[in-house]
């Protein structure tokens, strides 16, 4: 798969971003983001980003400003949702652009 991705012009940081590398090293078997559907990508990336961005913003800024919790959670939810949608659209675009086959063609798994 690595050779096919590089031959297709997809950089390793795109098909194996840091979060995926961490998951793989931890033993979690998850396909690269280019092979995950739109909505699972949106949910996964959006949740991860929204949680950690919201936590960082609260620690660095919102806590000292005494921002209401509901506003903080809402802002993190909106930021995570937008990030997830944009990343899912980006990965779907790249998968179509490079005409990548289904993940099952790499793993040999049945549909």
PDB file of N, CA and C in Angstrom:
ATOM      1  N   UNK A   1       0.821  -1.184   0.000  1.00  0.00           N
ATOM      2  CA  UNK A   1       0.000   0.000   0.000  1.00  0.00           C
ATOM      3  C   UNK A   1       0.871   1.256   0.000  1.00  0.00           C
ATOM      4  N   UNK A   2       1.920   1.259   0.801  1.00  0.00           N
ATOM      5  CA  UNK A   2       2.792   2.426   0.882  1.00  0.00           C
ATOM      6  C   UNK A   2       3.335   2.794  -0.504  1.00  0.00           C
ATOM      7  N   UNK A   3       3.777   1.783  -1.249  1.00  0.00           N
ATOM      8  CA  UNK A   3       4.323   2.032  -2.576  1.00  0.00           C
ATOM      9  C   UNK A   3       3.256   2.608  -3.515  1.00  0.00           C
ATOM     10  N   UNK A   4       2.042   2.078  -3.415  1.00  0.00           N
ATOM     11  CA  UNK A   4       0.946   2.567  -4.262  1.00  0.00           C
ATOM     12  C   UNK A   4       0.619   4.016  -3.933  1.00  0.00           C
ATOM     13  N   UNK A   5       0.603   4.363  -2.655  1.00  0.00           N
ATOM     14  CA  UNK A   5       0.309   5.743  -2.248  1.00  0.00           C
ATOM     15  C   UNK A   5       1.374   6.701  -2.780  1.00  0.00           C
ATOM     16  N   UNK A   6       2.623   6.326  -2.621  1.00  0.00           N
ATOM     17  CA  UNK A   6       3.702   7.193  -3.102  1.00  0.00           C
ATOM     18  C   UNK A   6       3.682   7.316  -4.621  1.00  0.00           C
ATOM     19  N   UNK A   7       3.384   6.196  -5.311  1.00  0.00           N
ATOM     20  CA  UNK A   7       3.295   6.232  -6.776  1.00  0.00           C
ATOM     21  C   UNK A   7       2.130   7.103  -7.241  1.00  0.00           C
ATOM     22  N   UNK A   8       1.057   7.139  -6.448  1.00  0.00           N
ATOM     23  CA  UNK A   8      -0.115   7.959  -6.794  1.00  0.00           C
ATOM     24  C   UNK A   8       0.109   9.432  -6.464  1.00  0.00           C
ATOM     25  N   UNK A   9       1.207   9.734  -5.764  1.00  0.00           N
ATOM     26  CA  UNK A   9       1.496  11.120  -5.423  1.00  0.00           C
ATOM     27  C   UNK A   9       0.927  11.560  -4.093  1.00  0.00           C
ATOM     28  N   UNK A  10       0.525  10.612  -3.248  1.00  0.00           N
ATOM     29  CA  UNK A  10      -0.018  10.937  -1.939  1.00  0.00           C
ATOM     30  C   UNK A  10       1.127  10.886  -0.929  1.00  0.00           C
ATOM     31  N   UNK A  11       1.362  11.970  -0.233  1.00  0.00           N
ATOM     32  CA  UNK A  11       2.459  12.011   0.729  1.00  0.00           C
ATOM     33  C   UNK A  11       2.145  11.160   1.954  1.00  0.00           C
ATOM     34  N   UNK A  12       3.189  10.713   2.628  1.00  0.00           N
ATOM     35  CA  UNK A  12       2.991   9.860   3.805  1.00  0.00           C
ATOM     36  C   UNK A  12       2.280  10.609   4.922  1.00  0.00           C
ATOM     37  N   UNK A  13       2.466  11.902   5.033  1.00  0.00           N
ATOM     38  CA  UNK A  13       1.766  12.656   6.077  1.00  0.00           C
ATOM     39  C   UNK A  13       0.272  12.766   5.791  1.00  0.00           C
ATOM     40  N   UNK A  14      -0.129  12.543   4.546  1.00  0.00           N
ATOM     41  CA  UNK A  14      -1.545  12.579   4.194  1.00  0.00           C
ATOM     42  C   UNK A  14      -2.202  11.231   4.434  1.00  0.00           C
ATOM     43  N   UNK A  15      -1.591  10.159   3.984  1.00  0.00           N
ATOM     44  CA  UNK A  15      -2.236   8.854   4.155  1.00  0.00           C
ATOM     45  C   UNK A  15      -1.950   8.241   5.514  1.00  0.00           C
ATOM     46  N   UNK A  16      -0.973   8.781   6.246  1.00  0.00           N
ATOM     47  CA  UNK A  16      -0.662   8.283   7.596  1.00  0.00           C
ATOM     48  C   UNK A  16      -0.372   9.466   8.515  1.00  0.00           C
ATOM     49  N   UNK A  17      -1.418  10.254   8.859  1.00  0.00           N
ATOM     50  CA  UNK A  17      -1.191  11.406   9.736  1.00  0.00           C
ATOM     51  C   UNK A  17      -0.775  10.955  11.145  1.00  0.00           C
ATOM     52  N   UNK A  18      -0.255  11.872  11.941  1.00  0.00           N
ATOM     53  CA  UNK A  18       0.262  11.509  13.265  1.00  0.00           C
ATOM     54  C   UNK A  18      -0.713  10.735  14.149  1.00  0.00           C
ATOM     55  N   UNK A  19      -1.977  11.112  14.163  1.00  0.00           N
ATOM     56  CA  UNK A  19      -2.947  10.390  14.999  1.00  0.00           C
ATOM     57  C   UNK A  19      -3.053   8.935  14.566  1.00  0.00           C
ATOM     58  N   UNK A  20      -3.045   8.689  13.274  1.00  0.00           N
ATOM     59  CA  UNK A  20      -3.132   7.310  12.774  1.00  0.00           C
ATOM     60  C   UNK A  20      -1.874   6.525  13.137  1.00  0.00           C
ATOM     61  N   UNK A  21      -0.728   7.158  13.017  1.00  0.00           N
ATOM     62  CA  UNK A  21       0.519   6.475  13.389  1.00  0.00           C
ATOM     63  C   UNK A  21       0.508   6.088  14.860  1.00  0.00           C
ATOM     64  N   UNK A  22      -0.011   6.976  15.691  1.00  0.00           N
ATOM     65  CA  UNK A  22      -0.130   6.676  17.117  1.00  0.00           C
ATOM     66  C   UNK A  22      -1.085   5.500  17.348  1.00  0.00           C
ATOM     67  N   UNK A  23      -2.209   5.513  16.653  1.00  0.00           N
ATOM     68  CA  UNK A  23      -3.170   4.405  16.781  1.00  0.00           C
ATOM     69  C   UNK A  23      -2.544   3.090  16.330  1.00  0.00           C
ATOM     70  N   UNK A  24      -1.850   3.104  15.220  1.00  0.00           N
ATOM     71  CA  UNK A  24      -1.225   1.880  14.701  1.00  0.00           C
ATOM     72  C   UNK A  24      -0.162   1.360  15.661  1.00  0.00           C
ATOM     73  N   UNK A  25       0.641   2.260  16.219  1.00  0.00           N
ATOM     74  CA  UNK A  25       1.661   1.830  17.187  1.00  0.00           C
ATOM     75  C   UNK A  25       1.038   1.256  18.445  1.00  0.00           C
ATOM     76  N   UNK A  26      -0.164   1.740  18.767  1.00  0.00           N
ATOM     77  CA  UNK A  26      -0.881   1.239  19.949  1.00  0.00           C
ATOM     78  C   UNK A  26      -1.598  -0.073  19.680  1.00  0.00           C
ATOM     79  N   UNK A  27      -1.538  -0.539  18.441  1.00  0.00           N
ATOM     80  CA  UNK A  27      -2.173  -1.801  18.093  1.00  0.00           C
ATOM     81  C   UNK A  27      -3.593  -1.679  17.581  1.00  0.00           C
ATOM     82  N   UNK A  28      -4.077  -0.456  17.403  1.00  0.00           N
ATOM     83  CA  UNK A  28      -5.430  -0.246  16.887  1.00  0.00           C
ATOM     84  C   UNK A  28      -5.387  -0.367  15.367  1.00  0.00           C
ATOM     85  N   UNK A  29      -6.142  -1.309  14.840  1.00  0.00           N
ATOM     86  CA  UNK A  29      -6.187  -1.533  13.393  1.00  0.00           C
ATOM     87  C   UNK A  29      -7.296  -0.675  12.785  1.00  0.00           C
ATOM     88  N   UNK A  30      -6.905   0.433  12.198  1.00  0.00           N
ATOM     89  CA  UNK A  30      -7.846   1.349  11.553  1.00  0.00           C
ATOM     90  C   UNK A  30      -7.271   1.691  10.176  1.00  0.00           C
ATOM     91  N   UNK A  31      -8.122   1.714   9.147  1.00  0.00           N
ATOM     92  CA  UNK A  31      -7.606   2.062   7.816  1.00  0.00           C
ATOM     93  C   UNK A  31      -7.146   3.521   7.764  1.00  0.00           C
ATOM     94  N   UNK A  32      -6.263   3.851   6.842  1.00  0.00           N
ATOM     95  CA  UNK A  32      -5.857   5.250   6.667  1.00  0.00           C
ATOM     96  C   UNK A  32      -7.080   6.124   6.373  1.00  0.00           C
ATOM     97  N   UNK A  33      -7.011   7.399   6.700  1.00  0.00           N
ATOM     98  CA  UNK A  33      -8.181   8.274   6.539  1.00  0.00           C
ATOM     99  C   UNK A  33      -8.701   8.379   5.107  1.00  0.00           C
ATOM    100  N   UNK A  34      -7.858   8.126   4.129  1.00  0.00           N
ATOM    101  CA  UNK A  34      -8.321   8.175   2.737  1.00  0.00           C
ATOM    102  C   UNK A  34      -9.300   7.047   2.420  1.00  0.00           C
ATOM    103  N   UNK A  35      -9.378   6.042   3.273  1.00  0.00           N
ATOM    104  CA  UNK A  35     -10.212   4.873   3.011  1.00  0.00           C
ATOM    105  C   UNK A  35     -11.386   4.764   3.977  1.00  0.00           C
ATOM    106  N   UNK A  36     -11.574   5.772   4.796  1.00  0.00           N
ATOM    107  CA  UNK A  36     -12.695   5.784   5.733  1.00  0.00           C
ATOM    108  C   UNK A  36     -13.790   6.650   5.121  1.00  0.00           C
ATOM    109  N   UNK A  37     -15.032   6.311   5.359  1.00  0.00           N
ATOM    110  CA  UNK A  37     -16.156   7.059   4.804  1.00  0.00           C
ATOM    111  C   UNK A  37     -16.218   8.496   5.310  1.00  0.00           C
ATOM    112  N   UNK A  38     -17.040   9.276   4.646  1.00  0.00           N
ATOM    113  CA  UNK A  38     -17.168  10.701   4.950  1.00  0.00           C
ATOM    114  C   UNK A  38     -17.614  10.944   6.387  1.00  0.00           C
ATOM    115  N   UNK A  39     -18.719  10.324   6.788  1.00  0.00           N
ATOM    116  CA  UNK A  39     -19.268  10.596   8.123  1.00  0.00           C
ATOM    117  C   UNK A  39     -18.417  10.036   9.251  1.00  0.00           C
ATOM    118  N   UNK A  40     -17.866   8.826   9.141  1.00  0.00           N
ATOM    119  CA  UNK A  40     -16.961   8.380  10.207  1.00  0.00           C
ATOM    120  C   UNK A  40     -15.723   9.280  10.344  1.00  0.00           C
ATOM    121  N   UNK A  41     -15.217   9.774   9.215  1.00  0.00           N
ATOM    122  CA  UNK A  41     -14.079  10.688   9.262  1.00  0.00           C
ATOM    123  C   UNK A  41     -14.483  11.993   9.938  1.00  0.00           C
ATOM    124  N   UNK A  42     -15.644  12.513   9.571  1.00  0.00           N
ATOM    125  CA  UNK A  42     -16.139  13.742  10.185  1.00  0.00           C
ATOM    126  C   UNK A  42     -16.268  13.582  11.688  1.00  0.00           C
ATOM    127  N   UNK A  43     -16.891  12.501  12.109  1.00  0.00           N
ATOM    128  CA  UNK A  43     -17.105  12.267  13.537  1.00  0.00           C
ATOM    129  C   UNK A  43     -15.787  12.057  14.281  1.00  0.00           C
ATOM    130  N   UNK A  44     -14.918  11.223  13.737  1.00  0.00           N
ATOM    131  CA  UNK A  44     -13.654  10.927  14.411  1.00  0.00           C
ATOM    132  C   UNK A  44     -12.741  12.127  14.515  1.00  0.00           C
ATOM    133  N   UNK A  45     -12.482  12.760  13.394  1.00  0.00           N
ATOM    134  CA  UNK A  45     -11.564  13.902  13.404  1.00  0.00           C
ATOM    135  C   UNK A  45     -12.168  15.104  14.113  1.00  0.00           C
ATOM    136  N   UNK A  46     -13.464  15.311  13.903  1.00  0.00           N
ATOM    137  CA  UNK A  46     -14.133  16.437  14.562  1.00  0.00           C
ATOM    138  C   UNK A  46     -14.157  16.289  16.068  1.00  0.00           C
ATOM    139  N   UNK A  47     -14.437  15.084  16.551  1.00  0.00           N
ATOM    140  CA  UNK A  47     -14.462  14.845  18.001  1.00  0.00           C
ATOM    141  C   UNK A  47     -13.085  15.049  18.611  1.00  0.00           C
ATOM    142  N   UNK A  48     -12.081  14.478  17.974  1.00  0.00           N
ATOM    143  CA  UNK A  48     -10.711  14.607  18.472  1.00  0.00           C
ATOM    144  C   UNK A  48     -10.290  16.070  18.513  1.00  0.00           C
ATOM    145  N   UNK A  49     -10.479  16.763  17.398  1.00  0.00           N
ATOM    146  CA  UNK A  49     -10.075  18.161  17.328  1.00  0.00           C
ATOM    147  C   UNK A  49     -10.874  19.009  18.299  1.00  0.00           C
ATOM    148  N   UNK A  50     -12.198  18.862  18.297  1.00  0.00           N
ATOM    149  CA  UNK A  50     -13.049  19.683  19.162  1.00  0.00           C
ATOM    150  C   UNK A  50     -12.704  19.527  20.628  1.00  0.00           C
ATOM    151  N   UNK A  51     -12.471  18.289  21.059  1.00  0.00           N
ATOM    152  CA  UNK A  51     -12.146  18.050  22.467  1.00  0.00           C
ATOM    153  C   UNK A  51     -10.826  18.713  22.850  1.00  0.00           C
ATOM    154  N   UNK A  52      -9.776  18.428  22.093  1.00  0.00           N
ATOM    155  CA  UNK A  52      -8.464  18.944  22.465  1.00  0.00           C
ATOM    156  C   UNK A  52      -8.324  20.447  22.216  1.00  0.00           C
ATOM    157  N   UNK A  53      -8.948  20.963  21.179  1.00  0.00           N
ATOM    158  CA  UNK A  53      -8.918  22.404  20.943  1.00  0.00           C
ATOM    159  C   UNK A  53      -9.687  23.123  22.048  1.00  0.00           C
ATOM    160  N   UNK A  54     -10.858  22.586  22.394  1.00  0.00           N
ATOM    161  CA  UNK A  54     -11.645  23.188  23.470  1.00  0.00           C
ATOM    162  C   UNK A  54     -10.912  23.154  24.798  1.00  0.00           C
ATOM    163  N   UNK A  55     -10.265  22.037  25.094  1.00  0.00           N
ATOM    164  CA  UNK A  55      -9.503  21.919  26.333  1.00  0.00           C
ATOM    165  C   UNK A  55      -8.342  22.922  26.361  1.00  0.00           C
ATOM    166  N   UNK A  56      -7.628  23.017  25.263  1.00  0.00           N
ATOM    167  CA  UNK A  56      -6.512  23.963  25.180  1.00  0.00           C
ATOM    168  C   UNK A  56      -6.995  25.407  25.319  1.00  0.00           C
ATOM    169  N   UNK A  57      -8.078  25.743  24.634  1.00  0.00           N
ATOM    170  CA  UNK A  57      -8.626  27.098  24.727  1.00  0.00           C
ATOM    171  C   UNK A  57      -9.082  27.412  26.148  1.00  0.00           C
ATOM    172  N   UNK A  58      -9.677  26.425  26.810  1.00  0.00           N
ATOM    173  CA  UNK A  58     -10.129  26.652  28.182  1.00  0.00           C
ATOM    174  C   UNK A  58      -8.933  26.880  29.098  1.00  0.00           C
ATOM    175  N   UNK A  59      -7.894  26.055  28.938  1.00  0.00           N
ATOM    176  CA  UNK A  59      -6.730  26.181  29.807  1.00  0.00           C
ATOM    177  C   UNK A  59      -5.975  27.492  29.581  1.00  0.00           C
ATOM    178  N   UNK A  60      -5.869  27.910  28.321  1.00  0.00           N
ATOM    179  CA  UNK A  60      -5.055  29.077  27.991  1.00  0.00           C
ATOM    180  C   UNK A  60      -5.806  30.409  27.996  1.00  0.00           C
ATOM    181  N   UNK A  61      -7.111  30.377  27.736  1.00  0.00           N
ATOM    182  CA  UNK A  61      -7.802  31.643  27.514  1.00  0.00           C
ATOM    183  C   UNK A  61      -9.137  31.736  28.240  1.00  0.00           C
ATOM    184  N   UNK A  62     -10.023  30.801  27.974  1.00  0.00           N
ATOM    185  CA  UNK A  62     -11.396  30.943  28.444  1.00  0.00           C
ATOM    186  C   UNK A  62     -11.534  30.918  29.963  1.00  0.00           C
ATOM    187  N   UNK A  63     -10.714  30.128  30.632  1.00  0.00           N
ATOM    188  CA  UNK A  63     -10.798  30.049  32.100  1.00  0.00           C
ATOM    189  C   UNK A  63     -10.495  31.406  32.725  1.00  0.00           C
ATOM    190  N   UNK A  64      -9.452  32.083  32.242  1.00  0.00           N
ATOM    191  CA  UNK A  64      -9.094  33.389  32.803  1.00  0.00           C
ATOM    192  C   UNK A  64     -10.126  34.458  32.447  1.00  0.00           C
ATOM    193  N   UNK A  65     -10.854  34.241  31.368  1.00  0.00           N
ATOM    194  CA  UNK A  65     -11.909  35.180  30.972  1.00  0.00           C
ATOM    195  C   UNK A  65     -13.241  34.841  31.623  1.00  0.00           C
ATOM    196  N   UNK A  66     -13.263  33.757  32.395  1.00  0.00           N
ATOM    197  CA  UNK A  66     -14.478  33.276  33.062  1.00  0.00           C
ATOM    198  C   UNK A  66     -15.623  33.068  32.064  1.00  0.00           C
ATOM    199  N   UNK A  67     -15.277  32.457  30.958  1.00  0.00           N
ATOM    200  CA  UNK A  67     -16.245  32.144  29.909  1.00  0.00           C
ATOM    201  C   UNK A  67     -17.217  31.090  30.439  1.00  0.00           C
ATOM    202  N   UNK A  68     -18.524  31.270  30.221  1.00  0.00           N
ATOM    203  CA  UNK A  68     -19.489  30.258  30.662  1.00  0.00           C
ATOM    204  C   UNK A  68     -19.218  28.900  29.995  1.00  0.00           C
ATOM    205  N   UNK A  69     -19.417  27.839  30.751  1.00  0.00           N
ATOM    206  CA  UNK A  69     -19.138  26.483  30.264  1.00  0.00           C
ATOM    207  C   UNK A  69     -19.935  26.177  28.998  1.00  0.00           C
ATOM    208  N   UNK A  70     -21.193  26.581  28.951  1.00  0.00           N
ATOM    209  CA  UNK A  70     -22.014  26.301  27.773  1.00  0.00           C
ATOM    210  C   UNK A  70     -21.441  26.958  26.520  1.00  0.00           C
ATOM    211  N   UNK A  71     -20.914  28.142  26.654  1.00  0.00           N
ATOM    212  CA  UNK A  71     -20.297  28.841  25.516  1.00  0.00           C
ATOM    213  C   UNK A  71     -19.031  28.102  25.083  1.00  0.00           C
ATOM    214  N   UNK A  72     -18.234  27.657  26.056  1.00  0.00           N
ATOM    215  CA  UNK A  72     -17.004  26.915  25.747  1.00  0.00           C
ATOM    216  C   UNK A  72     -17.319  25.614  25.014  1.00  0.00           C
ATOM    217  N   UNK A  73     -18.276  24.865  25.528  1.00  0.00           N
ATOM    218  CA  UNK A  73     -18.652  23.594  24.909  1.00  0.00           C
ATOM    219  C   UNK A  73     -19.234  23.833  23.519  1.00  0.00           C
ATOM    220  N   UNK A  74     -20.049  24.852  23.381  1.00  0.00           N
ATOM    221  CA  UNK A  74     -20.635  25.168  22.069  1.00  0.00           C
ATOM    222  C   UNK A  74     -19.563  25.550  21.057  1.00  0.00           C
ATOM    223  N   UNK A  75     -18.617  26.373  21.477  1.00  0.00           N
ATOM    224  CA  UNK A  75     -17.534  26.787  20.568  1.00  0.00           C
ATOM    225  C   UNK A  75     -16.687  25.588  20.165  1.00  0.00           C
ATOM    226  N   UNK A  76     -16.376  24.719  21.127  1.00  0.00           N
ATOM    227  CA  UNK A  76     -15.578  23.527  20.807  1.00  0.00           C
ATOM    228  C   UNK A  76     -16.349  22.603  19.876  1.00  0.00           C
ATOM    229  N   UNK A  77     -17.655  22.467  20.086  1.00  0.00           N
ATOM    230  CA  UNK A  77     -18.484  21.624  19.222  1.00  0.00           C
ATOM    231  C   UNK A  77     -18.511  22.171  17.793  1.00  0.00           C
ATOM    232  N   UNK A  78     -18.700  23.468  17.662  1.00  0.00           N
ATOM    233  CA  UNK A  78     -18.751  24.087  16.331  1.00  0.00           C
ATOM    234  C   UNK A  78     -17.395  23.964  15.637  1.00  0.00           C
ATOM    235  N   UNK A  79     -16.318  24.242  16.365  1.00  0.00           N
ATOM    236  CA  UNK A  79     -14.974  24.137  15.776  1.00  0.00           C
ATOM    237  C   UNK A  79     -14.689  22.699  15.355  1.00  0.00           C
ATOM    238  N   UNK A  80     -15.021  21.738  16.212  1.00  0.00           N
ATOM    239  CA  UNK A  80     -14.806  20.335  15.885  1.00  0.00           C
ATOM    240  C   UNK A  80     -15.636  19.894  14.698  1.00  0.00           C
ATOM    241  N   UNK A  81     -16.872  20.336  14.646  1.00  0.00           N
ATOM    242  CA  UNK A  81     -17.756  19.970  13.527  1.00  0.00           C
ATOM    243  C   UNK A  81     -17.213  20.507  12.205  1.00  0.00           C
ATOM    244  N   UNK A  82     -16.823  21.766  12.204  1.00  0.00           N
ATOM    245  CA  UNK A  82     -16.284  22.357  10.972  1.00  0.00           C
ATOM    246  C   UNK A  82     -14.982  21.688  10.560  1.00  0.00           C
ATOM    247  N   UNK A  83     -14.097  21.458  11.523  1.00  0.00           N
ATOM    248  CA  UNK A  83     -12.837  20.788  11.215  1.00  0.00           C
ATOM    249  C   UNK A  83     -13.102  19.393  10.645  1.00  0.00           C
ATOM    250  N   UNK A  84     -13.989  18.640  11.285  1.00  0.00           N
ATOM    251  CA  UNK A  84     -14.318  17.294  10.814  1.00  0.00           C
ATOM    252  C   UNK A  84     -14.894  17.296   9.413  1.00  0.00           C
ATOM    253  N   UNK A  85     -15.802  18.224   9.143  1.00  0.00           N
ATOM    254  CA  UNK A  85     -16.404  18.311   7.799  1.00  0.00           C
ATOM    255  C   UNK A  85     -15.355  18.658   6.746  1.00  0.00           C
ATOM    256  N   UNK A  86     -14.514  19.624   7.037  1.00  0.00           N
ATOM    257  CA  UNK A  86     -13.490  20.018   6.068  1.00  0.00           C
ATOM    258  C   UNK A  86     -12.479  18.897   5.829  1.00  0.00           C
ATOM    259  N   UNK A  87     -12.061  18.225   6.887  1.00  0.00           N
ATOM    260  CA  UNK A  87     -11.094  17.140   6.713  1.00  0.00           C
ATOM    261  C   UNK A  87     -11.712  15.965   5.948  1.00  0.00           C
ATOM    262  N   UNK A  88     -12.961  15.639   6.241  1.00  0.00           N
ATOM    263  CA  UNK A  88     -13.627  14.549   5.520  1.00  0.00           C
ATOM    264  C   UNK A  88     -13.751  14.898   4.037  1.00  0.00           C
ATOM    265  N   UNK A  89     -14.125  16.137   3.744  1.00  0.00           N
ATOM    266  CA  UNK A  89     -14.230  16.565   2.345  1.00  0.00           C
ATOM    267  C   UNK A  89     -12.866  16.523   1.666  1.00  0.00           C
ATOM    268  N   UNK A  90     -11.829  16.925   2.372  1.00  0.00           N
ATOM    269  CA  UNK A  90     -10.466  16.900   1.835  1.00  0.00           C
ATOM    270  C   UNK A  90     -10.030  15.471   1.513  1.00  0.00           C
ATOM    271  N   UNK A  91     -10.245  14.552   2.429  1.00  0.00           N
ATOM    272  CA  UNK A  91      -9.843  13.162   2.198  1.00  0.00           C
ATOM    273  C   UNK A  91     -10.678  12.506   1.097  1.00  0.00           C
ATOM    274  N   UNK A  92     -11.960  12.796   1.013  1.00  0.00           N
ATOM    275  CA  UNK A  92     -12.780  12.249  -0.074  1.00  0.00           C
ATOM    276  C   UNK A  92     -12.298  12.801  -1.406  1.00  0.00           C
ATOM    277  N   UNK A  93     -11.966  14.094  -1.438  1.00  0.00           N
ATOM    278  CA  UNK A  93     -11.455  14.702  -2.672  1.00  0.00           C
ATOM    279  C   UNK A  93     -10.164  14.015  -3.117  1.00  0.00           C
ATOM    280  N   UNK A  94      -9.241  13.814  -2.176  1.00  0.00           N
ATOM    281  CA  UNK A  94      -7.973  13.162  -2.528  1.00  0.00           C
ATOM    282  C   UNK A  94      -8.176  11.726  -2.992  1.00  0.00           C
ATOM    283  N   UNK A  95      -9.073  11.010  -2.340  1.00  0.00           N
ATOM    284  CA  UNK A  95      -9.327   9.618  -2.734  1.00  0.00           C
ATOM    285  C   UNK A  95      -9.867   9.553  -4.168  1.00  0.00           C
ATOM    286  N   UNK A  96     -10.768  10.478  -4.515  1.00  0.00           N
ATOM    287  CA  UNK A  96     -11.294  10.518  -5.891  1.00  0.00           C
ATOM    288  C   UNK A  96     -10.222  10.979  -6.877  1.00  0.00           C
ATOM    289  N   UNK A  97      -9.484  11.995  -6.497  1.00  0.00           N
ATOM    290  CA  UNK A  97      -8.446  12.542  -7.372  1.00  0.00           C
ATOM    291  C   UNK A  97      -7.402  11.486  -7.741  1.00  0.00           C
ATOM    292  N   UNK A  98      -7.004  10.689  -6.770  1.00  0.00           N
ATOM    293  CA  UNK A  98      -5.977   9.672  -7.003  1.00  0.00           C
ATOM    294  C   UNK A  98      -6.561   8.318  -7.375  1.00  0.00           C
ATOM    295  N   UNK A  99      -7.892   8.277  -7.528  1.00  0.00           N
ATOM    296  CA  UNK A  99      -8.595   7.042  -7.926  1.00  0.00           C
ATOM    297  C   UNK A  99      -8.170   5.852  -7.075  1.00  0.00           C
ATOM    298  N   UNK A 100      -8.234   6.043  -5.772  1.00  0.00           N
ATOM    299  CA  UNK A 100      -7.817   4.980  -4.858  1.00  0.00           C
ATOM    300  C   UNK A 100      -8.875   3.888  -4.787  1.00  0.00           C
ATOM    301  N   UNK A 101      -8.462   2.649  -4.776  1.00  0.00           N
ATOM    302  CA  UNK A 101      -9.419   1.541  -4.672  1.00  0.00           C
ATOM    303  C   UNK A 101      -9.960   1.430  -3.248  1.00  0.00           C
ATOM    304  N   UNK A 102     -10.913   0.548  -3.062  1.00  0.00           N
ATOM    305  CA  UNK A 102     -11.468   0.309  -1.729  1.00  0.00           C
ATOM    306  C   UNK A 102     -10.390  -0.289  -0.823  1.00  0.00           C
ATOM    307  N   UNK A 103     -10.512  -0.076   0.462  1.00  0.00           N
ATOM    308  CA  UNK A 103      -9.547  -0.594   1.428  1.00  0.00           C
ATOM    309  C   UNK A 103      -9.462  -2.109   1.369  1.00  0.00           C
ATOM    310  N   UNK A 104     -10.576  -2.765   1.059  1.00  0.00           N
ATOM    311  CA  UNK A 104     -10.590  -4.216   1.010  1.00  0.00           C
ATOM    312  C   UNK A 104      -9.658  -4.753  -0.077  1.00  0.00           C
ATOM    313  N   UNK A 105      -9.366  -3.959  -1.101  1.00  0.00           N
ATOM    314  CA  UNK A 105      -8.436  -4.408  -2.131  1.00  0.00           C
ATOM    315  C   UNK A 105      -6.997  -4.474  -1.625  1.00  0.00           C
ATOM    316  N   UNK A 106      -6.694  -3.683  -0.597  1.00  0.00           N
ATOM    317  CA  UNK A 106      -5.374  -3.735   0.009  1.00  0.00           C
ATOM    318  C   UNK A 106      -5.279  -4.865   1.036  1.00  0.00           C
ATOM    319  N   UNK A 107      -6.367  -5.053   1.784  1.00  0.00           N
ATOM    320  CA  UNK A 107      -6.333  -6.034   2.861  1.00  0.00           C
ATOM    321  C   UNK A 107      -6.755  -7.421   2.415  1.00  0.00           C
ATOM    322  N   UNK A 108      -7.421  -7.524   1.290  1.00  0.00           N
ATOM    323  CA  UNK A 108      -7.907  -8.809   0.808  1.00  0.00           C
ATOM    324  C   UNK A 108      -9.177  -9.250   1.514  1.00  0.00           C
ATOM    325  N   UNK A 109      -9.771  -8.370   2.308  1.00  0.00           N
ATOM    326  CA  UNK A 109     -11.004  -8.700   3.027  1.00  0.00           C
ATOM    327  C   UNK A 109     -12.198  -8.646   2.093  1.00  0.00           C
ATOM    328  N   UNK A 110     -13.184  -9.466   2.391  1.00  0.00           N
ATOM    329  CA  UNK A 110     -14.418  -9.467   1.593  1.00  0.00           C
ATOM    330  C   UNK A 110     -15.269  -8.270   1.972  1.00  0.00           C
ATOM    331  N   UNK A 111     -16.051  -7.774   1.018  1.00  0.00           N
ATOM    332  CA  UNK A 111     -16.919  -6.617   1.281  1.00  0.00           C
ATOM    333  C   UNK A 111     -17.974  -6.959   2.230  1.00  0.00           C
TER     334      UNK A 111
END
